[in-house]
Amino acid sequence: MPGLNVRFTEEELEALRERADSEGVSMQSLAHDAVVRAVSERSRLFEDAAAHVLDVSDELNRRLA
């Protein structure tokens, strides 16, 4: 499986370590899941925005047709 090296400050790494420990997961797993959630959320927000634009423009498109 492909990998990715990510650099953290000492403070960020310590926060990651503490969070992973508190959730009982590895730092790698916690970081992986956070990135996947961020990517998925961005896609969801885009899809929601596109759907909103289509809904709002539907009436205008009907009037212009």
C-alpha atoms as a PDB file:
ATOM      1  CA  MET A   1       0.000   0.000   0.000  1.00  0.00           C
ATOM      2  CA  PRO A   2       1.377   3.454  -0.848  1.00  0.00           C
ATOM      3  CA  GLY A   3       2.427   5.660   2.050  1.00  0.00           C
ATOM      4  CA  LEU A   4       2.882   9.311   2.891  1.00  0.00           C
ATOM      5  CA  ASN A   5       5.356  10.985   5.216  1.00  0.00           C
ATOM      6  CA  VAL A   6       3.893  13.855   7.202  1.00  0.00           C
ATOM      7  CA  ARG A   7       5.946  16.232   9.327  1.00  0.00           C
ATOM      8  CA  PHE A   8       4.659  17.599  12.629  1.00  0.00           C
ATOM      9  CA  THR A   9       5.988  20.081  15.144  1.00  0.00           C
ATOM     10  CA  GLU A  10       6.864  18.628  18.535  1.00  0.00           C
ATOM     11  CA  GLU A  11       3.648  20.122  19.946  1.00  0.00           C
ATOM     12  CA  GLU A  12       1.500  18.674  17.149  1.00  0.00           C
ATOM     13  CA  LEU A  13       3.108  15.264  17.520  1.00  0.00           C
ATOM     14  CA  GLU A  14       2.534  15.290  21.272  1.00  0.00           C
ATOM     15  CA  ALA A  15      -1.127  16.263  20.768  1.00  0.00           C
ATOM     16  CA  LEU A  16      -1.490  13.447  18.235  1.00  0.00           C
ATOM     17  CA  ARG A  17       0.137  10.978  20.627  1.00  0.00           C
ATOM     18  CA  GLU A  18      -2.128  12.038  23.500  1.00  0.00           C
ATOM     19  CA  ARG A  19      -5.266  11.841  21.364  1.00  0.00           C
ATOM     20  CA  ALA A  20      -4.331   8.425  19.992  1.00  0.00           C
ATOM     21  CA  ASP A  21      -3.619   7.157  23.507  1.00  0.00           C
ATOM     22  CA  SER A  22      -6.932   8.491  24.796  1.00  0.00           C
ATOM     23  CA  GLU A  23      -8.815   6.784  21.960  1.00  0.00           C
ATOM     24  CA  GLY A  24      -6.826   3.558  22.257  1.00  0.00           C
ATOM     25  CA  VAL A  25      -5.615   3.651  18.643  1.00  0.00           C
ATOM     26  CA  SER A  26      -2.268   4.094  16.955  1.00  0.00           C
ATOM     27  CA  MET A  27      -1.096   7.532  15.886  1.00  0.00           C
ATOM     28  CA  GLN A  28      -0.949   6.261  12.299  1.00  0.00           C
ATOM     29  CA  SER A  29      -4.538   5.050  12.428  1.00  0.00           C
ATOM     30  CA  LEU A  30      -5.763   8.298  13.974  1.00  0.00           C
ATOM     31  CA  ALA A  31      -3.940  10.423  11.381  1.00  0.00           C
ATOM     32  CA  HIS A  32      -5.149   8.212   8.505  1.00  0.00           C
ATOM     33  CA  ASP A  33      -8.762   8.395   9.619  1.00  0.00           C
ATOM     34  CA  ALA A  34      -8.573  12.188  10.075  1.00  0.00           C
ATOM     35  CA  VAL A  35      -7.274  12.670   6.538  1.00  0.00           C
ATOM     36  CA  VAL A  36      -9.901  10.353   5.044  1.00  0.00           C
ATOM     37  CA  ARG A  37     -12.654  12.206   6.956  1.00  0.00           C
ATOM     38  CA  ALA A  38     -11.338  15.574   5.761  1.00  0.00           C
ATOM     39  CA  VAL A  39     -11.296  14.442   2.133  1.00  0.00           C
ATOM     40  CA  SER A  40     -14.764  12.916   2.409  1.00  0.00           C
ATOM     41  CA  GLU A  41     -16.160  16.039   4.096  1.00  0.00           C
ATOM     42  CA  ARG A  42     -14.774  18.261   1.349  1.00  0.00           C
ATOM     43  CA  SER A  43     -16.460  16.085  -1.297  1.00  0.00           C
ATOM     44  CA  ARG A  44     -19.731  16.117   0.646  1.00  0.00           C
ATOM     45  CA  LEU A  45     -19.650  19.903   0.992  1.00  0.00           C
ATOM     46  CA  PHE A  46     -19.045  20.279  -2.744  1.00  0.00           C
ATOM     47  CA  GLU A  47     -21.934  17.929  -3.560  1.00  0.00           C
ATOM     48  CA  ASP A  48     -24.230  19.805  -1.167  1.00  0.00           C
ATOM     49  CA  ALA A  49     -23.267  23.141  -2.715  1.00  0.00           C
ATOM     50  CA  ALA A  50     -23.812  21.826  -6.245  1.00  0.00           C
ATOM     51  CA  ALA A  51     -27.227  20.455  -5.296  1.00  0.00           C
ATOM     52  CA  HIS A  52     -28.156  23.811  -3.738  1.00  0.00           C
ATOM     53  CA  VAL A  53     -27.141  25.712  -6.875  1.00  0.00           C
ATOM     54  CA  LEU A  54     -29.189  23.351  -9.031  1.00  0.00           C
ATOM     55  CA  ASP A  55     -32.230  23.773  -6.769  1.00  0.00           C
ATOM     56  CA  VAL A  56     -31.956  27.550  -6.695  1.00  0.00           C
ATOM     57  CA  SER A  57     -31.399  27.868 -10.437  1.00  0.00           C
ATOM     58  CA  ASP A  58     -34.174  25.414 -11.353  1.00  0.00           C
ATOM     59  CA  GLU A  59     -36.917  28.056 -11.243  1.00  0.00           C
ATOM     60  CA  LEU A  60     -34.825  30.523 -13.255  1.00  0.00           C
ATOM     61  CA  ASN A  61     -34.020  27.866 -15.836  1.00  0.00           C
ATOM     62  CA  ARG A  62     -37.749  27.084 -16.208  1.00  0.00           C
ATOM     63  CA  ARG A  63     -38.548  30.763 -16.754  1.00  0.00           C
ATOM     64  CA  LEU A  64     -35.773  31.136 -19.322  1.00  0.00           C
ATOM     65  CA  ALA A  65     -36.777  28.046 -21.289  1.00  0.00           C
END
